mmCIF file of all heavy atoms, coordinates in Angstrom:
data_MODEL
# 
_entry.id   MODEL 
# 
loop_
_atom_site.group_PDB 
_atom_site.id 
_atom_site.type_symbol 
_atom_site.label_atom_id 
_atom_site.label_alt_id 
_atom_site.label_comp_id 
_atom_site.label_asym_id 
_atom_site.label_entity_id 
_atom_site.label_seq_id 
_atom_site.pdbx_PDB_ins_code 
_atom_site.Cartn_x 
_atom_site.Cartn_y 
_atom_site.Cartn_z 
_atom_site.occupancy 
_atom_site.B_iso_or_equiv 
_atom_site.pdbx_formal_charge 
_atom_site.auth_seq_id 
_atom_site.auth_comp_id 
_atom_site.auth_asym_id 
_atom_site.auth_atom_id 
_atom_site.pdbx_PDB_model_num 
ATOM 1   N N   . ARG A 1 1  ? -76.040 35.574 -103.296 1.00 0.00 ? 1  ARG A N   1 
ATOM 2   C CA  . ARG A 1 1  ? -74.877 35.567 -104.189 1.00 0.00 ? 1  ARG A CA  1 
ATOM 3   C C   . ARG A 1 1  ? -73.799 34.616 -103.665 1.00 0.00 ? 1  ARG A C   1 
ATOM 4   O O   . ARG A 1 1  ? -73.207 33.834 -104.425 1.00 0.00 ? 1  ARG A O   1 
ATOM 5   C CB  . ARG A 1 1  ? -74.310 36.987 -104.296 1.00 0.00 ? 1  ARG A CB  1 
ATOM 6   C CG  . ARG A 1 1  ? -72.986 37.076 -105.045 1.00 0.00 ? 1  ARG A CG  1 
ATOM 7   C CD  . ARG A 1 1  ? -72.553 38.521 -105.231 1.00 0.00 ? 1  ARG A CD  1 
ATOM 8   N NE  . ARG A 1 1  ? -72.460 39.230 -103.970 1.00 0.00 ? 1  ARG A NE  1 
ATOM 9   C CZ  . ARG A 1 1  ? -71.394 39.199 -103.176 1.00 0.00 ? 1  ARG A CZ  1 
ATOM 10  N NH1 . ARG A 1 1  ? -70.327 38.492 -103.514 1.00 0.00 ? 1  ARG A NH1 1 
ATOM 11  N NH2 . ARG A 1 1  ? -71.376 39.885 -102.049 1.00 0.00 ? 1  ARG A NH2 1 
ATOM 12  N N   . LEU A 1 2  ? -73.538 34.653 -102.347 1.00 0.00 ? 2  LEU A N   1 
ATOM 13  C CA  . LEU A 1 2  ? -72.506 33.789 -101.773 1.00 0.00 ? 2  LEU A CA  1 
ATOM 14  C C   . LEU A 1 2  ? -72.880 32.319 -101.866 1.00 0.00 ? 2  LEU A C   1 
ATOM 15  O O   . LEU A 1 2  ? -72.024 31.457 -102.120 1.00 0.00 ? 2  LEU A O   1 
ATOM 16  C CB  . LEU A 1 2  ? -72.234 34.189 -100.324 1.00 0.00 ? 2  LEU A CB  1 
ATOM 17  C CG  . LEU A 1 2  ? -71.580 35.555 -100.121 1.00 0.00 ? 2  LEU A CG  1 
ATOM 18  C CD1 . LEU A 1 2  ? -71.498 35.889 -98.630  1.00 0.00 ? 2  LEU A CD1 1 
ATOM 19  C CD2 . LEU A 1 2  ? -70.206 35.596 -100.755 1.00 0.00 ? 2  LEU A CD2 1 
ATOM 20  N N   . GLN A 1 3  ? -74.147 32.001 -101.665 1.00 0.00 ? 3  GLN A N   1 
ATOM 21  C CA  . GLN A 1 3  ? -74.576 30.602 -101.793 1.00 0.00 ? 3  GLN A CA  1 
ATOM 22  C C   . GLN A 1 3  ? -74.359 30.092 -103.209 1.00 0.00 ? 3  GLN A C   1 
ATOM 23  O O   . GLN A 1 3  ? -73.960 28.942 -103.408 1.00 0.00 ? 3  GLN A O   1 
ATOM 24  C CB  . GLN A 1 3  ? -76.047 30.467 -101.386 1.00 0.00 ? 3  GLN A CB  1 
ATOM 25  C CG  . GLN A 1 3  ? -76.272 30.542 -99.878  1.00 0.00 ? 3  GLN A CG  1 
ATOM 26  C CD  . GLN A 1 3  ? -77.734 30.371 -99.508  1.00 0.00 ? 3  GLN A CD  1 
ATOM 27  O OE1 . GLN A 1 3  ? -78.629 30.588 -100.320 1.00 0.00 ? 3  GLN A OE1 1 
ATOM 28  N NE2 . GLN A 1 3  ? -77.989 29.982 -98.272  1.00 0.00 ? 3  GLN A NE2 1 
ATOM 29  N N   . ALA A 1 4  ? -74.617 30.946 -104.192 1.00 0.00 ? 4  ALA A N   1 
ATOM 30  C CA  . ALA A 1 4  ? -74.398 30.535 -105.592 1.00 0.00 ? 4  ALA A CA  1 
ATOM 31  C C   . ALA A 1 4  ? -72.913 30.260 -105.832 1.00 0.00 ? 4  ALA A C   1 
ATOM 32  O O   . ALA A 1 4  ? -72.539 29.292 -106.490 1.00 0.00 ? 4  ALA A O   1 
ATOM 33  C CB  . ALA A 1 4  ? -74.919 31.617 -106.531 1.00 0.00 ? 4  ALA A CB  1 
ATOM 34  N N   . ARG A 1 5  ? -72.045 31.128 -105.296 1.00 0.00 ? 5  ARG A N   1 
ATOM 35  C CA  . ARG A 1 5  ? -70.609 30.929 -105.436 1.00 0.00 ? 5  ARG A CA  1 
ATOM 36  C C   . ARG A 1 5  ? -70.139 29.691 -104.686 1.00 0.00 ? 5  ARG A C   1 
ATOM 37  O O   . ARG A 1 5  ? -69.207 29.000 -105.111 1.00 0.00 ? 5  ARG A O   1 
ATOM 38  C CB  . ARG A 1 5  ? -69.846 32.160 -104.906 1.00 0.00 ? 5  ARG A CB  1 
ATOM 39  C CG  . ARG A 1 5  ? -69.848 33.359 -105.821 1.00 0.00 ? 5  ARG A CG  1 
ATOM 40  C CD  . ARG A 1 5  ? -69.192 34.553 -105.166 1.00 0.00 ? 5  ARG A CD  1 
ATOM 41  N NE  . ARG A 1 5  ? -67.927 34.189 -104.525 1.00 0.00 ? 5  ARG A NE  1 
ATOM 42  C CZ  . ARG A 1 5  ? -67.295 34.944 -103.625 1.00 0.00 ? 5  ARG A CZ  1 
ATOM 43  N NH1 . ARG A 1 5  ? -67.836 36.094 -103.255 1.00 0.00 ? 5  ARG A NH1 1 
ATOM 44  N NH2 . ARG A 1 5  ? -66.149 34.562 -103.115 1.00 0.00 ? 5  ARG A NH2 1 
ATOM 45  N N   . ALA A 1 6  ? -70.767 29.414 -103.556 1.00 0.00 ? 6  ALA A N   1 
ATOM 46  C CA  . ALA A 1 6  ? -70.314 28.327 -102.680 1.00 0.00 ? 6  ALA A CA  1 
ATOM 47  C C   . ALA A 1 6  ? -70.589 26.950 -103.252 1.00 0.00 ? 6  ALA A C   1 
ATOM 48  O O   . ALA A 1 6  ? -70.029 25.965 -102.761 1.00 0.00 ? 6  ALA A O   1 
ATOM 49  C CB  . ALA A 1 6  ? -70.976 28.456 -101.316 1.00 0.00 ? 6  ALA A CB  1 
ATOM 50  N N   . VAL A 1 7  ? -71.433 26.853 -104.261 1.00 0.00 ? 7  VAL A N   1 
ATOM 51  C CA  . VAL A 1 7  ? -71.758 25.534 -104.829 1.00 0.00 ? 7  VAL A CA  1 
ATOM 52  C C   . VAL A 1 7  ? -70.512 24.833 -105.328 1.00 0.00 ? 7  VAL A C   1 
ATOM 53  O O   . VAL A 1 7  ? -70.373 23.606 -105.221 1.00 0.00 ? 7  VAL A O   1 
ATOM 54  C CB  . VAL A 1 7  ? -72.806 25.685 -105.969 1.00 0.00 ? 7  VAL A CB  1 
ATOM 55  C CG1 . VAL A 1 7  ? -72.970 24.375 -106.720 1.00 0.00 ? 7  VAL A CG1 1 
ATOM 56  C CG2 . VAL A 1 7  ? -74.146 26.136 -105.380 1.00 0.00 ? 7  VAL A CG2 1 
ATOM 57  N N   . THR A 1 8  ? -69.540 25.594 -105.863 1.00 0.00 ? 8  THR A N   1 
ATOM 58  C CA  . THR A 1 8  ? -68.319 24.964 -106.357 1.00 0.00 ? 8  THR A CA  1 
ATOM 59  C C   . THR A 1 8  ? -67.516 24.321 -105.238 1.00 0.00 ? 8  THR A C   1 
ATOM 60  O O   . THR A 1 8  ? -66.757 23.386 -105.484 1.00 0.00 ? 8  THR A O   1 
ATOM 61  C CB  . THR A 1 8  ? -67.435 25.987 -107.093 1.00 0.00 ? 8  THR A CB  1 
ATOM 62  O OG1 . THR A 1 8  ? -67.104 27.054 -106.186 1.00 0.00 ? 8  THR A OG1 1 
ATOM 63  C CG2 . THR A 1 8  ? -68.153 26.562 -108.299 1.00 0.00 ? 8  THR A CG2 1 
ATOM 64  N N   . LYS A 1 9  ? -67.661 24.828 -104.011 1.00 0.00 ? 9  LYS A N   1 
ATOM 65  C CA  . LYS A 1 9  ? -66.931 24.264 -102.868 1.00 0.00 ? 9  LYS A CA  1 
ATOM 66  C C   . LYS A 1 9  ? -67.748 23.239 -102.094 1.00 0.00 ? 9  LYS A C   1 
ATOM 67  O O   . LYS A 1 9  ? -67.215 22.242 -101.605 1.00 0.00 ? 9  LYS A O   1 
ATOM 68  C CB  . LYS A 1 9  ? -66.513 25.376 -101.904 1.00 0.00 ? 9  LYS A CB  1 
ATOM 69  C CG  . LYS A 1 9  ? -65.181 26.023 -102.213 1.00 0.00 ? 9  LYS A CG  1 
ATOM 70  C CD  . LYS A 1 9  ? -64.693 26.842 -101.029 1.00 0.00 ? 9  LYS A CD  1 
ATOM 71  C CE  . LYS A 1 9  ? -63.277 27.352 -101.295 1.00 0.00 ? 9  LYS A CE  1 
ATOM 72  N NZ  . LYS A 1 9  ? -62.740 28.073 -100.127 1.00 0.00 ? 9  LYS A NZ  1 
ATOM 73  N N   . PHE A 1 10 ? -69.054 23.490 -101.955 1.00 0.00 ? 10 PHE A N   1 
ATOM 74  C CA  . PHE A 1 10 ? -69.867 22.685 -101.049 1.00 0.00 ? 10 PHE A CA  1 
ATOM 75  C C   . PHE A 1 10 ? -71.011 21.936 -101.723 1.00 0.00 ? 10 PHE A C   1 
ATOM 76  O O   . PHE A 1 10 ? -71.778 21.249 -101.043 1.00 0.00 ? 10 PHE A O   1 
ATOM 77  C CB  . PHE A 1 10 ? -70.431 23.576 -99.940  1.00 0.00 ? 10 PHE A CB  1 
ATOM 78  C CG  . PHE A 1 10 ? -69.375 24.232 -99.097  1.00 0.00 ? 10 PHE A CG  1 
ATOM 79  C CD1 . PHE A 1 10 ? -69.065 25.564 -99.258  1.00 0.00 ? 10 PHE A CD1 1 
ATOM 80  C CD2 . PHE A 1 10 ? -68.665 23.505 -98.156  1.00 0.00 ? 10 PHE A CD2 1 
ATOM 81  C CE1 . PHE A 1 10 ? -68.085 26.173 -98.498  1.00 0.00 ? 10 PHE A CE1 1 
ATOM 82  C CE2 . PHE A 1 10 ? -67.688 24.103 -97.388  1.00 0.00 ? 10 PHE A CE2 1 
ATOM 83  C CZ  . PHE A 1 10 ? -67.395 25.436 -97.564  1.00 0.00 ? 10 PHE A CZ  1 
ATOM 84  N N   . GLY A 1 11 ? -71.161 22.074 -103.025 1.00 0.00 ? 11 GLY A N   1 
ATOM 85  C CA  . GLY A 1 11 ? -72.227 21.360 -103.709 1.00 0.00 ? 11 GLY A CA  1 
ATOM 86  C C   . GLY A 1 11 ? -73.591 21.735 -103.171 1.00 0.00 ? 11 GLY A C   1 
ATOM 87  O O   . GLY A 1 11 ? -73.876 22.885 -102.843 1.00 0.00 ? 11 GLY A O   1 
ATOM 88  N N   . GLU A 1 12 ? -74.438 20.726 -103.034 1.00 0.00 ? 12 GLU A N   1 
ATOM 89  C CA  . GLU A 1 12 ? -75.833 20.964 -102.612 1.00 0.00 ? 12 GLU A CA  1 
ATOM 90  C C   . GLU A 1 12 ? -75.926 21.465 -101.175 1.00 0.00 ? 12 GLU A C   1 
ATOM 91  O O   . GLU A 1 12 ? -76.932 22.043 -100.773 1.00 0.00 ? 12 GLU A O   1 
ATOM 92  C CB  . GLU A 1 12 ? -76.640 19.680 -102.771 1.00 0.00 ? 12 GLU A CB  1 
ATOM 93  C CG  . GLU A 1 12 ? -76.141 18.531 -101.927 1.00 0.00 ? 12 GLU A CG  1 
ATOM 94  C CD  . GLU A 1 12 ? -76.886 17.236 -102.188 1.00 0.00 ? 12 GLU A CD  1 
ATOM 95  O OE1 . GLU A 1 12 ? -77.577 17.158 -103.217 1.00 0.00 ? 12 GLU A OE1 1 
ATOM 96  O OE2 . GLU A 1 12 ? -76.770 16.313 -101.369 1.00 0.00 ? 12 GLU A OE2 1 
ATOM 97  N N   . PHE A 1 13 ? -74.878 21.253 -100.359 1.00 0.00 ? 13 PHE A N   1 
ATOM 98  C CA  . PHE A 1 13 ? -74.904 21.711 -98.963  1.00 0.00 ? 13 PHE A CA  1 
ATOM 99  C C   . PHE A 1 13 ? -74.906 23.240 -98.879  1.00 0.00 ? 13 PHE A C   1 
ATOM 100 O O   . PHE A 1 13 ? -75.284 23.800 -97.859  1.00 0.00 ? 13 PHE A O   1 
ATOM 101 C CB  . PHE A 1 13 ? -73.702 21.147 -98.194  1.00 0.00 ? 13 PHE A CB  1 
ATOM 102 C CG  . PHE A 1 13 ? -73.694 19.654 -98.098  1.00 0.00 ? 13 PHE A CG  1 
ATOM 103 C CD1 . PHE A 1 13 ? -72.896 18.901 -98.936  1.00 0.00 ? 13 PHE A CD1 1 
ATOM 104 C CD2 . PHE A 1 13 ? -74.501 18.993 -97.178  1.00 0.00 ? 13 PHE A CD2 1 
ATOM 105 C CE1 . PHE A 1 13 ? -72.892 17.518 -98.860  1.00 0.00 ? 13 PHE A CE1 1 
ATOM 106 C CE2 . PHE A 1 13 ? -74.502 17.615 -97.097  1.00 0.00 ? 13 PHE A CE2 1 
ATOM 107 C CZ  . PHE A 1 13 ? -73.704 16.870 -97.946  1.00 0.00 ? 13 PHE A CZ  1 
ATOM 108 N N   . ALA A 1 14 ? -74.442 23.911 -99.929  1.00 0.00 ? 14 ALA A N   1 
ATOM 109 C CA  . ALA A 1 14 ? -74.345 25.381 -99.909  1.00 0.00 ? 14 ALA A CA  1 
ATOM 110 C C   . ALA A 1 14 ? -75.697 26.034 -99.666  1.00 0.00 ? 14 ALA A C   1 
ATOM 111 O O   . ALA A 1 14 ? -75.780 27.096 -99.043  1.00 0.00 ? 14 ALA A O   1 
ATOM 112 C CB  . ALA A 1 14 ? -73.746 25.893 -101.219 1.00 0.00 ? 14 ALA A CB  1 
ATOM 113 N N   . ASP A 1 15 ? -76.774 25.416 -100.131 1.00 0.00 ? 15 ASP A N   1 
ATOM 114 C CA  . ASP A 1 15 ? -78.103 26.017 -100.016 1.00 0.00 ? 15 ASP A CA  1 
ATOM 115 C C   . ASP A 1 15 ? -78.567 26.154 -98.570  1.00 0.00 ? 15 ASP A C   1 
ATOM 116 O O   . ASP A 1 15 ? -79.449 26.960 -98.286  1.00 0.00 ? 15 ASP A O   1 
ATOM 117 C CB  . ASP A 1 15 ? -79.130 25.198 -100.801 1.00 0.00 ? 15 ASP A CB  1 
ATOM 118 C CG  . ASP A 1 15 ? -78.909 25.277 -102.303 1.00 0.00 ? 15 ASP A CG  1 
ATOM 119 O OD1 . ASP A 1 15 ? -78.232 26.222 -102.739 1.00 0.00 ? 15 ASP A OD1 1 
ATOM 120 O OD2 . ASP A 1 15 ? -79.404 24.393 -103.028 1.00 0.00 ? 15 ASP A OD2 1 
ATOM 121 N N   . GLU A 1 16 ? -78.000 25.374 -97.667  1.00 0.00 ? 16 GLU A N   1 
ATOM 122 C CA  . GLU A 1 16 ? -78.439 25.406 -96.273  1.00 0.00 ? 16 GLU A CA  1 
ATOM 123 C C   . GLU A 1 16 ? -77.418 26.074 -95.363  1.00 0.00 ? 16 GLU A C   1 
ATOM 124 O O   . GLU A 1 16 ? -77.575 26.063 -94.139  1.00 0.00 ? 16 GLU A O   1 
ATOM 125 C CB  . GLU A 1 16 ? -78.709 23.977 -95.765  1.00 0.00 ? 16 GLU A CB  1 
ATOM 126 C CG  . GLU A 1 16 ? -79.847 23.277 -96.502  1.00 0.00 ? 16 GLU A CG  1 
ATOM 127 C CD  . GLU A 1 16 ? -81.164 24.008 -96.341  1.00 0.00 ? 16 GLU A CD  1 
ATOM 128 O OE1 . GLU A 1 16 ? -81.442 24.513 -95.234  1.00 0.00 ? 16 GLU A OE1 1 
ATOM 129 O OE2 . GLU A 1 16 ? -81.921 24.090 -97.345  1.00 0.00 ? 16 GLU A OE2 1 
ATOM 130 N N   . MET A 1 17 ? -76.366 26.653 -95.943  1.00 0.00 ? 17 MET A N   1 
ATOM 131 C CA  . MET A 1 17 ? -75.323 27.279 -95.148  1.00 0.00 ? 17 MET A CA  1 
ATOM 132 C C   . MET A 1 17 ? -75.354 28.793 -95.303  1.00 0.00 ? 17 MET A C   1 
ATOM 133 O O   . MET A 1 17 ? -75.925 29.330 -96.242  1.00 0.00 ? 17 MET A O   1 
ATOM 134 C CB  . MET A 1 17 ? -73.941 26.753 -95.571  1.00 0.00 ? 17 MET A CB  1 
ATOM 135 C CG  . MET A 1 17 ? -73.772 25.254 -95.374  1.00 0.00 ? 17 MET A CG  1 
ATOM 136 S SD  . MET A 1 17 ? -72.168 24.636 -96.013  1.00 0.00 ? 17 MET A SD  1 
ATOM 137 C CE  . MET A 1 17 ? -71.012 25.376 -94.857  1.00 0.00 ? 17 MET A CE  1 
ATOM 138 N N   . LEU A 1 18 ? -74.744 29.473 -94.336  1.00 0.00 ? 18 LEU A N   1 
ATOM 139 C CA  . LEU A 1 18 ? -74.539 30.914 -94.420  1.00 0.00 ? 18 LEU A CA  1 
ATOM 140 C C   . LEU A 1 18 ? -73.038 31.173 -94.567  1.00 0.00 ? 18 LEU A C   1 
ATOM 141 O O   . LEU A 1 18 ? -72.209 30.359 -94.142  1.00 0.00 ? 18 LEU A O   1 
ATOM 142 C CB  . LEU A 1 18 ? -75.085 31.615 -93.174  1.00 0.00 ? 18 LEU A CB  1 
ATOM 143 C CG  . LEU A 1 18 ? -76.595 31.504 -92.933  1.00 0.00 ? 18 LEU A CG  1 
ATOM 144 C CD1 . LEU A 1 18 ? -76.992 32.243 -91.653  1.00 0.00 ? 18 LEU A CD1 1 
ATOM 145 C CD2 . LEU A 1 18 ? -77.391 32.037 -94.128  1.00 0.00 ? 18 LEU A CD2 1 
ATOM 146 N N   . PHE A 1 19 ? -72.700 32.347 -95.124  1.00 0.00 ? 19 PHE A N   1 
ATOM 147 C CA  . PHE A 1 19 ? -71.302 32.618 -95.444  1.00 0.00 ? 19 PHE A CA  1 
ATOM 148 C C   . PHE A 1 19 ? -70.954 34.079 -95.193  1.00 0.00 ? 19 PHE A C   1 
ATOM 149 O O   . PHE A 1 19 ? -71.838 34.937 -95.081  1.00 0.00 ? 19 PHE A O   1 
ATOM 150 C CB  . PHE A 1 19 ? -71.021 32.309 -96.932  1.00 0.00 ? 19 PHE A CB  1 
ATOM 151 C CG  . PHE A 1 19 ? -71.346 30.904 -97.331  1.00 0.00 ? 19 PHE A CG  1 
ATOM 152 C CD1 . PHE A 1 19 ? -72.579 30.594 -97.919  1.00 0.00 ? 19 PHE A CD1 1 
ATOM 153 C CD2 . PHE A 1 19 ? -70.450 29.875 -97.107  1.00 0.00 ? 19 PHE A CD2 1 
ATOM 154 C CE1 . PHE A 1 19 ? -72.890 29.293 -98.286  1.00 0.00 ? 19 PHE A CE1 1 
ATOM 155 C CE2 . PHE A 1 19 ? -70.748 28.571 -97.471  1.00 0.00 ? 19 PHE A CE2 1 
ATOM 156 C CZ  . PHE A 1 19 ? -71.972 28.282 -98.052  1.00 0.00 ? 19 PHE A CZ  1 
ATOM 157 N N   . THR A 1 20 ? -69.666 34.348 -95.143  1.00 0.00 ? 20 THR A N   1 
ATOM 158 C CA  . THR A 1 20 ? -69.106 35.691 -95.334  1.00 0.00 ? 20 THR A CA  1 
ATOM 159 C C   . THR A 1 20 ? -68.183 35.576 -96.546  1.00 0.00 ? 20 THR A C   1 
ATOM 160 O O   . THR A 1 20 ? -67.701 34.486 -96.842  1.00 0.00 ? 20 THR A O   1 
ATOM 161 C CB  . THR A 1 20 ? -68.308 36.180 -94.121  1.00 0.00 ? 20 THR A CB  1 
ATOM 162 O OG1 . THR A 1 20 ? -67.129 35.372 -93.975  1.00 0.00 ? 20 THR A OG1 1 
ATOM 163 C CG2 . THR A 1 20 ? -69.130 36.115 -92.836  1.00 0.00 ? 20 THR A CG2 1 
ATOM 164 N N   . PRO A 1 21 ? -67.917 36.671 -97.243  1.00 0.00 ? 21 PRO A N   1 
ATOM 165 C CA  . PRO A 1 21 ? -67.019 36.576 -98.407  1.00 0.00 ? 21 PRO A CA  1 
ATOM 166 C C   . PRO A 1 21 ? -65.649 36.005 -98.049  1.00 0.00 ? 21 PRO A C   1 
ATOM 167 O O   . PRO A 1 21 ? -65.145 35.103 -98.719  1.00 0.00 ? 21 PRO A O   1 
ATOM 168 C CB  . PRO A 1 21 ? -66.933 38.019 -98.900  1.00 0.00 ? 21 PRO A CB  1 
ATOM 169 C CG  . PRO A 1 21 ? -68.205 38.647 -98.454  1.00 0.00 ? 21 PRO A CG  1 
ATOM 170 C CD  . PRO A 1 21 ? -68.515 38.020 -97.129  1.00 0.00 ? 21 PRO A CD  1 
ATOM 171 N N   . ASP A 1 22 ? -65.041 36.546 -96.989  1.00 0.00 ? 22 ASP A N   1 
ATOM 172 C CA  . ASP A 1 22 ? -63.723 36.043 -96.606  1.00 0.00 ? 22 ASP A CA  1 
ATOM 173 C C   . ASP A 1 22 ? -63.811 34.623 -96.069  1.00 0.00 ? 22 ASP A C   1 
ATOM 174 O O   . ASP A 1 22 ? -62.942 33.787 -96.332  1.00 0.00 ? 22 ASP A O   1 
ATOM 175 C CB  . ASP A 1 22 ? -63.091 36.947 -95.543  1.00 0.00 ? 22 ASP A CB  1 
ATOM 176 C CG  . ASP A 1 22 ? -62.649 38.289 -96.114  1.00 0.00 ? 22 ASP A CG  1 
ATOM 177 O OD1 . ASP A 1 22 ? -62.252 38.318 -97.295  1.00 0.00 ? 22 ASP A OD1 1 
ATOM 178 O OD2 . ASP A 1 22 ? -62.707 39.295 -95.385  1.00 0.00 ? 22 ASP A OD2 1 
ATOM 179 N N   . GLY A 1 23 ? -64.883 34.333 -95.325  1.00 0.00 ? 23 GLY A N   1 
ATOM 180 C CA  . GLY A 1 23 ? -65.045 32.979 -94.787  1.00 0.00 ? 23 GLY A CA  1 
ATOM 181 C C   . GLY A 1 23 ? -65.187 31.948 -95.881  1.00 0.00 ? 23 GLY A C   1 
ATOM 182 O O   . GLY A 1 23 ? -64.621 30.850 -95.802  1.00 0.00 ? 23 GLY A O   1 
ATOM 183 N N   . LEU A 1 24 ? -65.921 32.293 -96.941  1.00 0.00 ? 24 LEU A N   1 
ATOM 184 C CA  . LEU A 1 24 ? -66.088 31.363 -98.067  1.00 0.00 ? 24 LEU A CA  1 
ATOM 185 C C   . LEU A 1 24 ? -64.761 31.159 -98.777  1.00 0.00 ? 24 LEU A C   1 
ATOM 186 O O   . LEU A 1 24 ? -64.396 30.038 -99.145  1.00 0.00 ? 24 LEU A O   1 
ATOM 187 C CB  . LEU A 1 24 ? -67.131 31.904 -99.036  1.00 0.00 ? 24 LEU A CB  1 
ATOM 188 C CG  . LEU A 1 24 ? -67.340 31.116 -100.326 1.00 0.00 ? 24 LEU A CG  1 
ATOM 189 C CD1 . LEU A 1 24 ? -67.699 29.671 -100.037 1.00 0.00 ? 24 LEU A CD1 1 
ATOM 190 C CD2 . LEU A 1 24 ? -68.419 31.785 -101.190 1.00 0.00 ? 24 LEU A CD2 1 
ATOM 191 N N   . GLU A 1 25 ? -63.999 32.229 -98.967  1.00 0.00 ? 25 GLU A N   1 
ATOM 192 C CA  . GLU A 1 25 ? -62.723 32.122 -99.665  1.00 0.00 ? 25 GLU A CA  1 
ATOM 193 C C   . GLU A 1 25 ? -61.748 31.253 -98.873  1.00 0.00 ? 25 GLU A C   1 
ATOM 194 O O   . GLU A 1 25 ? -61.005 30.454 -99.441  1.00 0.00 ? 25 GLU A O   1 
ATOM 195 C CB  . GLU A 1 25 ? -62.111 33.510 -99.875  1.00 0.00 ? 25 GLU A CB  1 
ATOM 196 C CG  . GLU A 1 25 ? -60.780 33.481 -100.627 1.00 0.00 ? 25 GLU A CG  1 
ATOM 197 C CD  . GLU A 1 25 ? -60.185 34.858 -100.795 1.00 0.00 ? 25 GLU A CD  1 
ATOM 198 O OE1 . GLU A 1 25 ? -60.877 35.850 -100.549 1.00 0.00 ? 25 GLU A OE1 1 
ATOM 199 O OE2 . GLU A 1 25 ? -58.993 34.936 -101.167 1.00 0.00 ? 25 GLU A OE2 1 
ATOM 200 N N   . GLN A 1 26 ? -61.736 31.380 -97.556  1.00 0.00 ? 26 GLN A N   1 
ATOM 201 C CA  . GLN A 1 26 ? -60.770 30.683 -96.714  1.00 0.00 ? 26 GLN A CA  1 
ATOM 202 C C   . GLN A 1 26 ? -61.200 29.262 -96.358  1.00 0.00 ? 26 GLN A C   1 
ATOM 203 O O   . GLN A 1 26 ? -60.357 28.450 -95.962  1.00 0.00 ? 26 GLN A O   1 
ATOM 204 C CB  . GLN A 1 26 ? -60.550 31.476 -95.421  1.00 0.00 ? 26 GLN A CB  1 
ATOM 205 C CG  . GLN A 1 26 ? -59.979 32.859 -95.633  1.00 0.00 ? 26 GLN A CG  1 
ATOM 206 C CD  . GLN A 1 26 ? -60.080 33.729 -94.399  1.00 0.00 ? 26 GLN A CD  1 
ATOM 207 O OE1 . GLN A 1 26 ? -59.998 33.254 -93.278  1.00 0.00 ? 26 GLN A OE1 1 
ATOM 208 N NE2 . GLN A 1 26 ? -60.277 35.034 -94.604  1.00 0.00 ? 26 GLN A NE2 1 
ATOM 209 N N   . ALA A 1 27 ? -62.477 28.953 -96.473  1.00 0.00 ? 27 ALA A N   1 
ATOM 210 C CA  . ALA A 1 27 ? -62.991 27.665 -96.017  1.00 0.00 ? 27 ALA A CA  1 
ATOM 211 C C   . ALA A 1 27 ? -62.429 26.506 -96.823  1.00 0.00 ? 27 ALA A C   1 
ATOM 212 O O   . ALA A 1 27 ? -62.225 26.601 -98.038  1.00 0.00 ? 27 ALA A O   1 
ATOM 213 C CB  . ALA A 1 27 ? -64.519 27.651 -96.094  1.00 0.00 ? 27 ALA A CB  1 
ATOM 214 N N   . SER A 1 28 ? -62.210 25.386 -96.143  1.00 0.00 ? 28 SER A N   1 
ATOM 215 C CA  . SER A 1 28 ? -61.811 24.154 -96.830  1.00 0.00 ? 28 SER A CA  1 
ATOM 216 C C   . SER A 1 28 ? -62.960 23.708 -97.724  1.00 0.00 ? 28 SER A C   1 
ATOM 217 O O   . SER A 1 28 ? -64.109 23.656 -97.281  1.00 0.00 ? 28 SER A O   1 
ATOM 218 C CB  . SER A 1 28 ? -61.497 23.048 -95.825  1.00 0.00 ? 28 SER A CB  1 
ATOM 219 O OG  . SER A 1 28 ? -60.455 23.430 -94.960  1.00 0.00 ? 28 SER A OG  1 
ATOM 220 N N   . ARG A 1 29 ? -62.669 23.380 -98.987  1.00 0.00 ? 29 ARG A N   1 
ATOM 221 C CA  . ARG A 1 29 ? -63.719 22.862 -99.846  1.00 0.00 ? 29 ARG A CA  1 
ATOM 222 C C   . ARG A 1 29 ? -64.139 21.482 -99.327  1.00 0.00 ? 29 ARG A C   1 
ATOM 223 O O   . ARG A 1 29 ? -63.408 20.841 -98.563  1.00 0.00 ? 29 ARG A O   1 
ATOM 224 C CB  . ARG A 1 29 ? -63.294 22.835 -101.294 1.00 0.00 ? 29 ARG A CB  1 
ATOM 225 C CG  . ARG A 1 29 ? -62.121 21.985 -101.643 1.00 0.00 ? 29 ARG A CG  1 
ATOM 226 C CD  . ARG A 1 29 ? -61.804 22.070 -103.138 1.00 0.00 ? 29 ARG A CD  1 
ATOM 227 N NE  . ARG A 1 29 ? -62.950 21.714 -103.943 1.00 0.00 ? 29 ARG A NE  1 
ATOM 228 C CZ  . ARG A 1 29 ? -63.518 22.510 -104.856 1.00 0.00 ? 29 ARG A CZ  1 
ATOM 229 N NH1 . ARG A 1 29 ? -63.023 23.685 -105.099 1.00 0.00 ? 29 ARG A NH1 1 
ATOM 230 N NH2 . ARG A 1 29 ? -64.559 22.115 -105.552 1.00 0.00 ? 29 ARG A NH2 1 
# 
């Protein structure tokens, strides 16, 4: 679920990254 949300911030790189909900929200796009 987080990888799907992360596409708006990280594009195709999101598929190879791991996240936390707060970490994704706070991360620089």
